[in-house]
PDB file of N, CA and C in Angstrom:
ATOM      1  N   MET A   1       0.821  -1.190   0.000  1.00  0.00           N
ATOM      2  CA  MET A   1       0.000   0.000   0.000  1.00  0.00           C
ATOM      3  C   MET A   1       0.868   1.258   0.000  1.00  0.00           C
ATOM      4  N   ALA A   2       1.938   1.234   0.754  1.00  0.00           N
ATOM      5  CA  ALA A   2       2.782   2.425   0.833  1.00  0.00           C
ATOM      6  C   ALA A   2       3.399   2.769  -0.512  1.00  0.00           C
ATOM      7  N   GLN A   3       3.489   1.785  -1.419  1.00  0.00           N
ATOM      8  CA  GLN A   3       4.092   2.033  -2.730  1.00  0.00           C
ATOM      9  C   GLN A   3       3.145   2.744  -3.690  1.00  0.00           C
ATOM     10  N   TRP A   4       1.844   2.751  -3.409  1.00  0.00           N
ATOM     11  CA  TRP A   4       0.915   3.364  -4.368  1.00  0.00           C
ATOM     12  C   TRP A   4      -0.155   4.246  -3.727  1.00  0.00           C
ATOM     13  N   TRP A   5      -0.326   4.228  -2.412  1.00  0.00           N
ATOM     14  CA  TRP A   5      -1.414   4.982  -1.789  1.00  0.00           C
ATOM     15  C   TRP A   5      -1.114   6.475  -1.813  1.00  0.00           C
ATOM     16  N   GLY A   6      -2.065   7.224  -2.318  1.00  0.00           N
ATOM     17  CA  GLY A   6      -1.960   8.680  -2.359  1.00  0.00           C
ATOM     18  C   GLY A   6      -1.827   9.193  -3.780  1.00  0.00           C
ATOM     19  N   PRO A   7      -2.125  10.466  -3.967  1.00  0.00           N
ATOM     20  CA  PRO A   7      -1.995  11.074  -5.301  1.00  0.00           C
ATOM     21  C   PRO A   7      -0.533  11.111  -5.745  1.00  0.00           C
ATOM     22  N   ARG A   8      -0.325  11.399  -7.008  1.00  0.00           N
ATOM     23  CA  ARG A   8       1.033  11.515  -7.561  1.00  0.00           C
ATOM     24  C   ARG A   8       1.837  12.549  -6.767  1.00  0.00           C
ATOM     25  N   GLY A   9       3.075  12.227  -6.536  1.00  0.00           N
ATOM     26  CA  GLY A   9       3.959  13.131  -5.808  1.00  0.00           C
ATOM     27  C   GLY A   9       3.945  12.905  -4.302  1.00  0.00           C
ATOM     28  N   PHE A  10       2.984  12.140  -3.803  1.00  0.00           N
ATOM     29  CA  PHE A  10       2.894  11.862  -2.375  1.00  0.00           C
ATOM     30  C   PHE A  10       3.610  10.555  -2.052  1.00  0.00           C
ATOM     31  N   THR A  11       4.114  10.460  -0.825  1.00  0.00           N
ATOM     32  CA  THR A  11       4.586   9.194  -0.283  1.00  0.00           C
ATOM     33  C   THR A  11       3.770   8.937   0.983  1.00  0.00           C
ATOM     34  N   THR A  12       3.761   7.687   1.405  1.00  0.00           N
ATOM     35  CA  THR A  12       2.934   7.309   2.544  1.00  0.00           C
ATOM     36  C   THR A  12       3.743   6.505   3.541  1.00  0.00           C
ATOM     37  N   THR A  13       3.606   6.838   4.811  1.00  0.00           N
ATOM     38  CA  THR A  13       4.174   6.064   5.903  1.00  0.00           C
ATOM     39  C   THR A  13       3.010   5.456   6.678  1.00  0.00           C
ATOM     40  N   ILE A  14       2.999   4.129   6.778  1.00  0.00           N
ATOM     41  CA  ILE A  14       1.935   3.430   7.486  1.00  0.00           C
ATOM     42  C   ILE A  14       2.441   3.064   8.879  1.00  0.00           C
ATOM     43  N   TYR A  15       1.681   3.465   9.899  1.00  0.00           N
ATOM     44  CA  TYR A  15       2.046   3.171  11.280  1.00  0.00           C
ATOM     45  C   TYR A  15       1.284   1.978  11.839  1.00  0.00           C
ATOM     46  N   GLU A  16       0.079   1.779  11.356  1.00  0.00           N
ATOM     47  CA  GLU A  16      -0.766   0.699  11.855  1.00  0.00           C
ATOM     48  C   GLU A  16      -1.775   0.359  10.765  1.00  0.00           C
ATOM     49  N   MET A  17      -1.987  -0.938  10.545  1.00  0.00           N
ATOM     50  CA  MET A  17      -2.984  -1.346   9.558  1.00  0.00           C
ATOM     51  C   MET A  17      -3.538  -2.702   9.979  1.00  0.00           C
ATOM     52  N   ASP A  18      -4.701  -2.662  10.617  1.00  0.00           N
ATOM     53  CA  ASP A  18      -5.364  -3.852  11.135  1.00  0.00           C
ATOM     54  C   ASP A  18      -6.676  -4.007  10.373  1.00  0.00           C
ATOM     55  N   VAL A  19      -6.622  -4.766   9.274  1.00  0.00           N
ATOM     56  CA  VAL A  19      -7.752  -4.855   8.349  1.00  0.00           C
ATOM     57  C   VAL A  19      -8.729  -5.921   8.840  1.00  0.00           C
ATOM     58  N   ARG A  20      -9.619  -5.487   9.726  1.00  0.00           N
ATOM     59  CA  ARG A  20     -10.716  -6.306  10.250  1.00  0.00           C
ATOM     60  C   ARG A  20     -11.735  -5.334  10.831  1.00  0.00           C
ATOM     61  N   PRO A  21     -12.991  -5.742  10.958  1.00  0.00           N
ATOM     62  CA  PRO A  21     -13.974  -4.829  11.557  1.00  0.00           C
ATOM     63  C   PRO A  21     -13.498  -4.345  12.930  1.00  0.00           C
ATOM     64  N   GLY A  22     -13.505  -3.027  13.100  1.00  0.00           N
ATOM     65  CA  GLY A  22     -13.003  -2.416  14.327  1.00  0.00           C
ATOM     66  C   GLY A  22     -11.518  -2.110  14.290  1.00  0.00           C
ATOM     67  N   GLY A  23     -10.817  -2.635  13.301  1.00  0.00           N
ATOM     68  CA  GLY A  23      -9.382  -2.398  13.168  1.00  0.00           C
ATOM     69  C   GLY A  23      -9.093  -0.988  12.687  1.00  0.00           C
ATOM     70  N   VAL A  24      -7.895  -0.529  12.944  1.00  0.00           N
ATOM     71  CA  VAL A  24      -7.491   0.849  12.648  1.00  0.00           C
ATOM     72  C   VAL A  24      -6.372   0.860  11.614  1.00  0.00           C
ATOM     73  N   TRP A  25      -6.449   1.855  10.723  1.00  0.00           N
ATOM     74  CA  TRP A  25      -5.365   2.130   9.789  1.00  0.00           C
ATOM     75  C   TRP A  25      -4.918   3.559  10.047  1.00  0.00           C
ATOM     76  N   ARG A  26      -3.677   3.708  10.540  1.00  0.00           N
ATOM     77  CA  ARG A  26      -3.086   5.030  10.777  1.00  0.00           C
ATOM     78  C   ARG A  26      -1.911   5.207   9.842  1.00  0.00           C
ATOM     79  N   PHE A  27      -1.907   6.337   9.143  1.00  0.00           N
ATOM     80  CA  PHE A  27      -0.827   6.598   8.204  1.00  0.00           C
ATOM     81  C   PHE A  27      -0.675   8.100   7.999  1.00  0.00           C
ATOM     82  N   VAL A  28       0.462   8.458   7.437  1.00  0.00           N
ATOM     83  CA  VAL A  28       0.739   9.858   7.094  1.00  0.00           C
ATOM     84  C   VAL A  28       1.025   9.911   5.610  1.00  0.00           C
ATOM     85  N   MET A  29       0.334  10.815   4.936  1.00  0.00           N
ATOM     86  CA  MET A  29       0.635  11.094   3.525  1.00  0.00           C
ATOM     87  C   MET A  29       1.540  12.317   3.509  1.00  0.00           C
ATOM     88  N   HIS A  30       2.716  12.158   2.915  1.00  0.00           N
ATOM     89  CA  HIS A  30       3.699  13.231   2.836  1.00  0.00           C
ATOM     90  C   HIS A  30       3.535  13.907   1.478  1.00  0.00           C
ATOM     91  N   GLY A  31       3.080  15.154   1.497  1.00  0.00           N
ATOM     92  CA  GLY A  31       2.834  15.879   0.259  1.00  0.00           C
ATOM     93  C   GLY A  31       4.109  16.372  -0.387  1.00  0.00           C
ATOM     94  N   PRO A  32       4.070  16.601  -1.695  1.00  0.00           N
ATOM     95  CA  PRO A  32       5.246  17.108  -2.403  1.00  0.00           C
ATOM     96  C   PRO A  32       5.638  18.511  -1.948  1.00  0.00           C
ATOM     97  N   ASP A  33       4.720  19.196  -1.257  1.00  0.00           N
ATOM     98  CA  ASP A  33       5.000  20.535  -0.729  1.00  0.00           C
ATOM     99  C   ASP A  33       5.601  20.494   0.671  1.00  0.00           C
ATOM    100  N   GLY A  34       5.889  19.267   1.175  1.00  0.00           N
ATOM    101  CA  GLY A  34       6.495  19.116   2.495  1.00  0.00           C
ATOM    102  C   GLY A  34       5.493  19.024   3.630  1.00  0.00           C
ATOM    103  N   VAL A  35       4.205  19.132   3.344  1.00  0.00           N
ATOM    104  CA  VAL A  35       3.178  19.044   4.380  1.00  0.00           C
ATOM    105  C   VAL A  35       2.832  17.581   4.637  1.00  0.00           C
ATOM    106  N   ASP A  36       2.723  17.222   5.915  1.00  0.00           N
ATOM    107  CA  ASP A  36       2.311  15.878   6.308  1.00  0.00           C
ATOM    108  C   ASP A  36       0.828  15.884   6.641  1.00  0.00           C
ATOM    109  N   TYR A  37       0.105  14.906   6.120  1.00  0.00           N
ATOM    110  CA  TYR A  37      -1.335  14.782   6.332  1.00  0.00           C
ATOM    111  C   TYR A  37      -1.590  13.515   7.138  1.00  0.00           C
ATOM    112  N   GLN A  38      -1.900  13.694   8.424  1.00  0.00           N
ATOM    113  CA  GLN A  38      -2.198  12.578   9.309  1.00  0.00           C
ATOM    114  C   GLN A  38      -3.560  11.996   8.951  1.00  0.00           C
ATOM    115  N   ASN A  39      -3.668  10.684   8.928  1.00  0.00           N
ATOM    116  CA  ASN A  39      -4.927  10.018   8.611  1.00  0.00           C
ATOM    117  C   ASN A  39      -5.168   8.873   9.577  1.00  0.00           C
ATOM    118  N   LYS A  40      -6.436   8.699   9.930  1.00  0.00           N
ATOM    119  CA  LYS A  40      -6.846   7.557  10.738  1.00  0.00           C
ATOM    120  C   LYS A  40      -8.181   7.066  10.197  1.00  0.00           C
ATOM    121  N   MET A  41      -8.234   5.774   9.925  1.00  0.00           N
ATOM    122  CA  MET A  41      -9.464   5.148   9.445  1.00  0.00           C
ATOM    123  C   MET A  41      -9.773   3.960  10.338  1.00  0.00           C
ATOM    124  N   VAL A  42     -11.057   3.705  10.512  1.00  0.00           N
ATOM    125  CA  VAL A  42     -11.511   2.542  11.263  1.00  0.00           C
ATOM    126  C   VAL A  42     -12.326   1.682  10.304  1.00  0.00           C
ATOM    127  N   TYR A  43     -11.960   0.419  10.200  1.00  0.00           N
ATOM    128  CA  TYR A  43     -12.687  -0.496   9.314  1.00  0.00           C
ATOM    129  C   TYR A  43     -14.014  -0.885   9.960  1.00  0.00           C
ATOM    130  N   ASP A  44     -15.093  -0.667   9.234  1.00  0.00           N
ATOM    131  CA  ASP A  44     -16.429  -0.994   9.731  1.00  0.00           C
ATOM    132  C   ASP A  44     -16.875  -2.376   9.257  1.00  0.00           C
ATOM    133  N   GLU A  45     -16.488  -2.732   8.041  1.00  0.00           N
ATOM    134  CA  GLU A  45     -16.954  -3.990   7.459  1.00  0.00           C
ATOM    135  C   GLU A  45     -15.945  -4.467   6.416  1.00  0.00           C
ATOM    136  N   ILE A  46     -15.659  -5.748   6.439  1.00  0.00           N
ATOM    137  CA  ILE A  46     -14.795  -6.379   5.439  1.00  0.00           C
ATOM    138  C   ILE A  46     -15.544  -7.610   4.939  1.00  0.00           C
ATOM    139  N   VAL A  47     -15.865  -7.640   3.662  1.00  0.00           N
ATOM    140  CA  VAL A  47     -16.529  -8.793   3.063  1.00  0.00           C
ATOM    141  C   VAL A  47     -15.680  -9.205   1.864  1.00  0.00           C
ATOM    142  N   LYS A  48     -14.820 -10.207   2.079  1.00  0.00           N
ATOM    143  CA  LYS A  48     -13.927 -10.661   1.007  1.00  0.00           C
ATOM    144  C   LYS A  48     -14.736 -11.406  -0.030  1.00  0.00           C
ATOM    145  N   PRO A  49     -14.494 -11.242  -1.288  1.00  0.00           N
ATOM    146  CA  PRO A  49     -13.647 -10.245  -1.934  1.00  0.00           C
ATOM    147  C   PRO A  49     -14.449  -9.063  -2.469  1.00  0.00           C
ATOM    148  N   GLU A  50     -15.624  -8.799  -1.917  1.00  0.00           N
ATOM    149  CA  GLU A  50     -16.510  -7.842  -2.582  1.00  0.00           C
ATOM    150  C   GLU A  50     -16.529  -6.424  -2.035  1.00  0.00           C
ATOM    151  N   ARG A  51     -16.241  -6.208  -0.743  1.00  0.00           N
ATOM    152  CA  ARG A  51     -16.327  -4.823  -0.272  1.00  0.00           C
ATOM    153  C   ARG A  51     -15.554  -4.576   1.019  1.00  0.00           C
ATOM    154  N   ILE A  52     -15.144  -3.307   1.152  1.00  0.00           N
ATOM    155  CA  ILE A  52     -14.526  -2.785   2.370  1.00  0.00           C
ATOM    156  C   ILE A  52     -15.276  -1.503   2.715  1.00  0.00           C
ATOM    157  N   VAL A  53     -15.672  -1.380   3.972  1.00  0.00           N
ATOM    158  CA  VAL A  53     -16.328  -0.160   4.439  1.00  0.00           C
ATOM    159  C   VAL A  53     -15.483   0.386   5.588  1.00  0.00           C
ATOM    160  N   TYR A  54     -15.149   1.677   5.502  1.00  0.00           N
ATOM    161  CA  TYR A  54     -14.349   2.273   6.567  1.00  0.00           C
ATOM    162  C   TYR A  54     -14.808   3.695   6.847  1.00  0.00           C
ATOM    163  N   SER A  55     -14.509   4.150   8.061  1.00  0.00           N
ATOM    164  CA  SER A  55     -14.799   5.524   8.452  1.00  0.00           C
ATOM    165  C   SER A  55     -13.481   6.274   8.578  1.00  0.00           C
ATOM    166  N   HIS A  56     -13.398   7.411   7.904  1.00  0.00           N
ATOM    167  CA  HIS A  56     -12.231   8.294   8.007  1.00  0.00           C
ATOM    168  C   HIS A  56     -12.520   9.219   9.181  1.00  0.00           C
ATOM    169  N   VAL A  57     -11.774   9.055  10.278  1.00  0.00           N
ATOM    170  CA  VAL A  57     -12.100   9.747  11.524  1.00  0.00           C
ATOM    171  C   VAL A  57     -11.145  10.883  11.864  1.00  0.00           C
ATOM    172  N   SER A  58     -10.237  11.195  10.958  1.00  0.00           N
ATOM    173  CA  SER A  58      -9.340  12.338  11.161  1.00  0.00           C
ATOM    174  C   SER A  58      -9.497  13.269   9.966  1.00  0.00           C
ATOM    175  N   GLY A  59      -9.275  14.556  10.180  1.00  0.00           N
ATOM    176  CA  GLY A  59      -9.460  15.503   9.072  1.00  0.00           C
ATOM    177  C   GLY A  59     -10.915  15.485   8.642  1.00  0.00           C
ATOM    178  N   PRO A  60     -11.164  15.573   7.330  1.00  0.00           N
ATOM    179  CA  PRO A  60     -12.556  15.495   6.889  1.00  0.00           C
ATOM    180  C   PRO A  60     -13.126  14.113   7.234  1.00  0.00           C
ATOM    181  N   GLN A  61     -14.253  14.085   7.895  1.00  0.00           N
ATOM    182  CA  GLN A  61     -14.838  12.820   8.316  1.00  0.00           C
ATOM    183  C   GLN A  61     -15.874  12.345   7.310  1.00  0.00           C
ATOM    184  N   PHE A  62     -15.773  11.065   6.968  1.00  0.00           N
ATOM    185  CA  PHE A  62     -16.708  10.472   6.029  1.00  0.00           C
ATOM    186  C   PHE A  62     -16.683   8.957   6.201  1.00  0.00           C
ATOM    187  N   ARG A  63     -17.676   8.318   5.614  1.00  0.00           N
ATOM    188  CA  ARG A  63     -17.712   6.853   5.572  1.00  0.00           C
ATOM    189  C   ARG A  63     -17.591   6.442   4.113  1.00  0.00           C
ATOM    190  N   ALA A  64     -16.668   5.538   3.829  1.00  0.00           N
ATOM    191  CA  ALA A  64     -16.424   5.101   2.455  1.00  0.00           C
ATOM    192  C   ALA A  64     -16.784   3.628   2.306  1.00  0.00           C
ATOM    193  N   THR A  65     -17.399   3.328   1.183  1.00  0.00           N
ATOM    194  CA  THR A  65     -17.670   1.950   0.806  1.00  0.00           C
ATOM    195  C   THR A  65     -16.958   1.692  -0.515  1.00  0.00           C
ATOM    196  N   VAL A  66     -16.063   0.728  -0.510  1.00  0.00           N
ATOM    197  CA  VAL A  66     -15.303   0.366  -1.703  1.00  0.00           C
ATOM    198  C   VAL A  66     -15.773  -1.020  -2.117  1.00  0.00           C
ATOM    199  N   THR A  67     -16.279  -1.118  -3.348  1.00  0.00           N
ATOM    200  CA  THR A  67     -16.738  -2.417  -3.839  1.00  0.00           C
ATOM    201  C   THR A  67     -15.855  -2.871  -4.993  1.00  0.00           C
ATOM    202  N   PHE A  68     -15.734  -4.188  -5.110  1.00  0.00           N
ATOM    203  CA  PHE A  68     -14.913  -4.817  -6.139  1.00  0.00           C
ATOM    204  C   PHE A  68     -15.806  -5.795  -6.892  1.00  0.00           C
ATOM    205  N   ALA A  69     -15.918  -5.606  -8.201  1.00  0.00           N
ATOM    206  CA  ALA A  69     -16.759  -6.483  -9.019  1.00  0.00           C
ATOM    207  C   ALA A  69     -15.925  -7.037 -10.166  1.00  0.00           C
ATOM    208  N   GLU A  70     -15.834  -8.345 -10.225  1.00  0.00           N
ATOM    209  CA  GLU A  70     -15.086  -8.999 -11.298  1.00  0.00           C
ATOM    210  C   GLU A  70     -15.805  -8.766 -12.623  1.00  0.00           C
ATOM    211  N   GLN A  71     -15.029  -8.361 -13.611  1.00  0.00           N
ATOM    212  CA  GLN A  71     -15.570  -8.146 -14.950  1.00  0.00           C
ATOM    213  C   GLN A  71     -15.406  -9.418 -15.755  1.00  0.00           C
ATOM    214  N   GLU A  72     -16.398  -9.720 -16.580  1.00  0.00           N
ATOM    215  CA  GLU A  72     -16.370 -10.972 -17.341  1.00  0.00           C
ATOM    216  C   GLU A  72     -15.227 -11.020 -18.347  1.00  0.00           C
ATOM    217  N   ALA A  73     -14.970  -9.917 -19.017  1.00  0.00           N
ATOM    218  CA  ALA A  73     -13.951  -9.906 -20.073  1.00  0.00           C
ATOM    219  C   ALA A  73     -12.617  -9.400 -19.541  1.00  0.00           C
ATOM    220  N   GLY A  74     -11.556 -10.104 -19.859  1.00  0.00           N
ATOM    221  CA  GLY A  74     -10.214  -9.604 -19.612  1.00  0.00           C
ATOM    222  C   GLY A  74      -9.681  -9.755 -18.206  1.00  0.00           C
ATOM    223  N   GLY A  75     -10.388 -10.418 -17.316  1.00  0.00           N
ATOM    224  CA  GLY A  75      -9.879 -10.619 -15.962  1.00  0.00           C
ATOM    225  C   GLY A  75      -9.678  -9.340 -15.186  1.00  0.00           C
ATOM    226  N   LYS A  76     -10.514  -8.352 -15.428  1.00  0.00           N
ATOM    227  CA  LYS A  76     -10.385  -7.069 -14.747  1.00  0.00           C
ATOM    228  C   LYS A  76     -11.371  -6.975 -13.592  1.00  0.00           C
ATOM    229  N   THR A  77     -11.119  -6.015 -12.712  1.00  0.00           N
ATOM    230  CA  THR A  77     -11.994  -5.761 -11.575  1.00  0.00           C
ATOM    231  C   THR A  77     -12.454  -4.314 -11.613  1.00  0.00           C
ATOM    232  N   LYS A  78     -13.749  -4.113 -11.477  1.00  0.00           N
ATOM    233  CA  LYS A  78     -14.303  -2.760 -11.389  1.00  0.00           C
ATOM    234  C   LYS A  78     -14.300  -2.356  -9.918  1.00  0.00           C
ATOM    235  N   VAL A  79     -13.674  -1.215  -9.628  1.00  0.00           N
ATOM    236  CA  VAL A  79     -13.603  -0.687  -8.270  1.00  0.00           C
ATOM    237  C   VAL A  79     -14.506   0.536  -8.205  1.00  0.00           C
ATOM    238  N   THR A  80     -15.426   0.537  -7.239  1.00  0.00           N
ATOM    239  CA  THR A  80     -16.323   1.675  -7.031  1.00  0.00           C
ATOM    240  C   THR A  80     -16.122   2.189  -5.613  1.00  0.00           C
ATOM    241  N   VAL A  81     -15.952   3.499  -5.485  1.00  0.00           N
ATOM    242  CA  VAL A  81     -15.770   4.120  -4.175  1.00  0.00           C
ATOM    243  C   VAL A  81     -16.905   5.110  -3.957  1.00  0.00           C
ATOM    244  N   ARG A  82     -17.622   4.932  -2.869  1.00  0.00           N
ATOM    245  CA  ARG A  82     -18.688   5.870  -2.493  1.00  0.00           C
ATOM    246  C   ARG A  82     -18.346   6.421  -1.120  1.00  0.00           C
ATOM    247  N   MET A  83     -18.421   7.744  -1.009  1.00  0.00           N
ATOM    248  CA  MET A  83     -18.086   8.408   0.249  1.00  0.00           C
ATOM    249  C   MET A  83     -19.304   9.177   0.743  1.00  0.00           C
ATOM    250  N   LEU A  84     -19.644   8.980   2.009  1.00  0.00           N
ATOM    251  CA  LEU A  84     -20.791   9.640   2.613  1.00  0.00           C
ATOM    252  C   LEU A  84     -20.295  10.658   3.641  1.00  0.00           C
ATOM    253  N   PHE A  85     -20.633  11.922   3.415  1.00  0.00           N
ATOM    254  CA  PHE A  85     -20.214  13.004   4.300  1.00  0.00           C
ATOM    255  C   PHE A  85     -21.379  13.461   5.169  1.00  0.00           C
ATOM    256  N   LYS A  86     -21.072  14.255   6.198  1.00  0.00           N
ATOM    257  CA  LYS A  86     -22.098  14.748   7.117  1.00  0.00           C
ATOM    258  C   LYS A  86     -23.033  15.754   6.460  1.00  0.00           C
ATOM    259  N   SER A  87     -22.542  16.432   5.418  1.00  0.00           N
ATOM    260  CA  SER A  87     -23.383  17.434   4.755  1.00  0.00           C
ATOM    261  C   SER A  87     -22.973  17.548   3.287  1.00  0.00           C
ATOM    262  N   PRO A  88     -23.904  18.006   2.448  1.00  0.00           N
ATOM    263  CA  PRO A  88     -23.549  18.236   1.039  1.00  0.00           C
ATOM    264  C   PRO A  88     -22.441  19.275   0.894  1.00  0.00           C
ATOM    265  N   GLU A  89     -22.421  20.272   1.760  1.00  0.00           N
ATOM    266  CA  GLU A  89     -21.403  21.319   1.685  1.00  0.00           C
ATOM    267  C   GLU A  89     -20.006  20.758   1.950  1.00  0.00           C
ATOM    268  N   GLU A  90     -19.916  19.896   2.967  1.00  0.00           N
ATOM    269  CA  GLU A  90     -18.619  19.288   3.281  1.00  0.00           C
ATOM    270  C   GLU A  90     -18.167  18.384   2.128  1.00  0.00           C
ATOM    271  N   ARG A  91     -19.094  17.607   1.577  1.00  0.00           N
ATOM    272  CA  ARG A  91     -18.782  16.758   0.425  1.00  0.00           C
ATOM    273  C   ARG A  91     -18.254  17.589  -0.733  1.00  0.00           C
ATOM    274  N   ASP A  92     -18.972  18.673  -1.060  1.00  0.00           N
ATOM    275  CA  ASP A  92     -18.563  19.510  -2.187  1.00  0.00           C
ATOM    276  C   ASP A  92     -17.200  20.136  -1.958  1.00  0.00           C
ATOM    277  N   ASP A  93     -16.935  20.570  -0.724  1.00  0.00           N
ATOM    278  CA  ASP A  93     -15.653  21.190  -0.400  1.00  0.00           C
ATOM    279  C   ASP A  93     -14.507  20.195  -0.574  1.00  0.00           C
ATOM    280  N   VAL A  94     -14.665  18.994  -0.040  1.00  0.00           N
ATOM    281  CA  VAL A  94     -13.620  17.977  -0.135  1.00  0.00           C
ATOM    282  C   VAL A  94     -13.434  17.535  -1.591  1.00  0.00           C
ATOM    283  N   ALA A  95     -14.541  17.356  -2.308  1.00  0.00           N
ATOM    284  CA  ALA A  95     -14.451  16.935  -3.711  1.00  0.00           C
ATOM    285  C   ALA A  95     -13.725  17.976  -4.544  1.00  0.00           C
ATOM    286  N   LYS A  96     -14.053  19.233  -4.314  1.00  0.00           N
ATOM    287  CA  LYS A  96     -13.441  20.303  -5.101  1.00  0.00           C
ATOM    288  C   LYS A  96     -11.954  20.449  -4.788  1.00  0.00           C
ATOM    289  N   LYS A  97     -11.594  20.336  -3.522  1.00  0.00           N
ATOM    290  CA  LYS A  97     -10.205  20.562  -3.130  1.00  0.00           C
ATOM    291  C   LYS A  97      -9.272  19.440  -3.571  1.00  0.00           C
ATOM    292  N   TYR A  98      -9.708  18.185  -3.372  1.00  0.00           N
ATOM    293  CA  TYR A  98      -8.752  17.115  -3.668  1.00  0.00           C
ATOM    294  C   TYR A  98      -9.310  15.715  -3.844  1.00  0.00           C
ATOM    295  N   ALA A  99     -10.488  15.422  -3.423  1.00  0.00           N
ATOM    296  CA  ALA A  99     -10.925  14.023  -3.364  1.00  0.00           C
ATOM    297  C   ALA A  99     -11.049  13.368  -4.732  1.00  0.00           C
ATOM    298  N   ILE A 100     -11.700  13.995  -5.672  1.00  0.00           N
ATOM    299  CA  ILE A 100     -11.941  13.328  -6.950  1.00  0.00           C
ATOM    300  C   ILE A 100     -10.641  13.113  -7.712  1.00  0.00           C
ATOM    301  N   GLU A 101      -9.888  14.168  -7.928  1.00  0.00           N
ATOM    302  CA  GLU A 101      -8.634  14.038  -8.669  1.00  0.00           C
ATOM    303  C   GLU A 101      -7.636  13.170  -7.899  1.00  0.00           C
ATOM    304  N   GLY A 102      -7.561  13.365  -6.583  1.00  0.00           N
ATOM    305  CA  GLY A 102      -6.633  12.581  -5.772  1.00  0.00           C
ATOM    306  C   GLY A 102      -6.946  11.096  -5.800  1.00  0.00           C
ATOM    307  N   LEU A 103      -8.238  10.752  -5.706  1.00  0.00           N
ATOM    308  CA  LEU A 103      -8.618   9.346  -5.742  1.00  0.00           C
ATOM    309  C   LEU A 103      -8.344   8.735  -7.115  1.00  0.00           C
ATOM    310  N   ASN A 104      -8.601   9.485  -8.168  1.00  0.00           N
ATOM    311  CA  ASN A 104      -8.287   8.986  -9.516  1.00  0.00           C
ATOM    312  C   ASN A 104      -6.795   8.711  -9.664  1.00  0.00           C
ATOM    313  N   GLN A 105      -5.966   9.624  -9.183  1.00  0.00           N
ATOM    314  CA  GLN A 105      -4.519   9.413  -9.245  1.00  0.00           C
ATOM    315  C   GLN A 105      -4.108   8.220  -8.387  1.00  0.00           C
ATOM    316  N   ASN A 106      -4.738   8.072  -7.241  1.00  0.00           N
ATOM    317  CA  ASN A 106      -4.461   6.956  -6.350  1.00  0.00           C
ATOM    318  C   ASN A 106      -4.745   5.624  -7.052  1.00  0.00           C
ATOM    319  N   LEU A 107      -5.900   5.527  -7.697  1.00  0.00           N
ATOM    320  CA  LEU A 107      -6.243   4.296  -8.411  1.00  0.00           C
ATOM    321  C   LEU A 107      -5.334   4.071  -9.619  1.00  0.00           C
ATOM    322  N   ASP A 108      -4.933   5.146 -10.291  1.00  0.00           N
ATOM    323  CA  ASP A 108      -3.963   5.021 -11.388  1.00  0.00           C
ATOM    324  C   ASP A 108      -2.654   4.425 -10.881  1.00  0.00           C
ATOM    325  N   ARG A 109      -2.215   4.881  -9.719  1.00  0.00           N
ATOM    326  CA  ARG A 109      -0.974   4.358  -9.144  1.00  0.00           C
ATOM    327  C   ARG A 109      -1.121   2.883  -8.770  1.00  0.00           C
ATOM    328  N   LEU A 110      -2.304   2.476  -8.310  1.00  0.00           N
ATOM    329  CA  LEU A 110      -2.547   1.066  -8.008  1.00  0.00           C
ATOM    330  C   LEU A 110      -2.436   0.230  -9.287  1.00  0.00           C
ATOM    331  N   VAL A 111      -3.062   0.686 -10.360  1.00  0.00           N
ATOM    332  CA  VAL A 111      -2.998  -0.036 -11.636  1.00  0.00           C
ATOM    333  C   VAL A 111      -1.540  -0.177 -12.082  1.00  0.00           C
ATOM    334  N   GLU A 112      -0.764   0.896 -11.961  1.00  0.00           N
ATOM    335  CA  GLU A 112       0.653   0.850 -12.337  1.00  0.00           C
ATOM    336  C   GLU A 112       1.416  -0.155 -11.475  1.00  0.00           C
ATOM    337  N   GLN A 113       1.134  -0.170 -10.176  1.00  0.00           N
ATOM    338  CA  GLN A 113       1.809  -1.099  -9.263  1.00  0.00           C
ATOM    339  C   GLN A 113       1.465  -2.544  -9.604  1.00  0.00           C
ATOM    340  N   LEU A 114       0.193  -2.813  -9.884  1.00  0.00           N
ATOM    341  CA  LEU A 114      -0.217  -4.170 -10.253  1.00  0.00           C
ATOM    342  C   LEU A 114       0.419  -4.610 -11.569  1.00  0.00           C
ATOM    343  N   ALA A 115       0.491  -3.701 -12.541  1.00  0.00           N
ATOM    344  CA  ALA A 115       1.117  -4.024 -13.829  1.00  0.00           C
ATOM    345  C   ALA A 115       2.603  -4.340 -13.638  1.00  0.00           C
ATOM    346  N   MET A 116       3.261  -3.583 -12.774  1.00  0.00           N
ATOM    347  CA  MET A 116       4.678  -3.813 -12.525  1.00  0.00           C
ATOM    348  C   MET A 116       4.879  -5.174 -11.836  1.00  0.00           C
ATOM    349  N   GLN A 117       4.020  -5.496 -10.878  1.00  0.00           N
ATOM    350  CA  GLN A 117       4.134  -6.788 -10.203  1.00  0.00           C
ATOM    351  C   GLN A 117       3.863  -7.937 -11.167  1.00  0.00           C
ATOM    352  N   GLN A 118       2.889  -7.750 -12.047  1.00  0.00           N
ATOM    353  CA  GLN A 118       2.582  -8.799 -13.024  1.00  0.00           C
ATOM    354  C   GLN A 118       3.758  -9.006 -13.973  1.00  0.00           C
ATOM    355  N   LYS A 119       4.378  -7.905 -14.386  1.00  0.00           N
ATOM    356  CA  LYS A 119       5.535  -7.989 -15.276  1.00  0.00           C
ATOM    357  C   LYS A 119       6.700  -8.707 -14.605  1.00  0.00           C
ATOM    358  N   GLU A 120       6.839  -8.472 -13.298  1.00  0.00           N
ATOM    359  CA  GLU A 120       7.916  -9.117 -12.531  1.00  0.00           C
ATOM    360  C   GLU A 120       7.561 -10.541 -12.123  1.00  0.00           C
ATOM    361  N   GLY A 121       6.328 -10.960 -12.407  1.00  0.00           N
ATOM    362  CA  GLY A 121       5.902 -12.321 -12.094  1.00  0.00           C
ATOM    363  C   GLY A 121       5.545 -12.541 -10.649  1.00  0.00           C
ATOM    364  N   LYS A 122       5.159 -11.474  -9.941  1.00  0.00           N
ATOM    365  CA  LYS A 122       4.787 -11.614  -8.524  1.00  0.00           C
ATOM    366  C   LYS A 122       3.330 -11.920  -8.367  1.00  0.00           C
TER     367      LYS A 122
END
């Protein structure tokens, strides 16, 4: 995760990652501008291999549901991320500032990491 989590130009330091209901993921995203962004998430639900639900409890607070759906053609997986905020205003503010573009870059980095691992035969 540390190799691909975060938008382009960011690096990530993971301090704790307990992927189970009630488990905590604590990490810092180090921005290219030198700013550190502390993050804490609590896993609410894990249903292998179809979904992960977590609450982001530091900074902007929201609940995210990430679903994974196997695609029939080409052995691909469709990833859908839905984020629920306390208000439409907070959602719009986070989306405008960084969430949409940042998440797209994050998923792009995941695809690149998976392609590199596949090429290396991992």
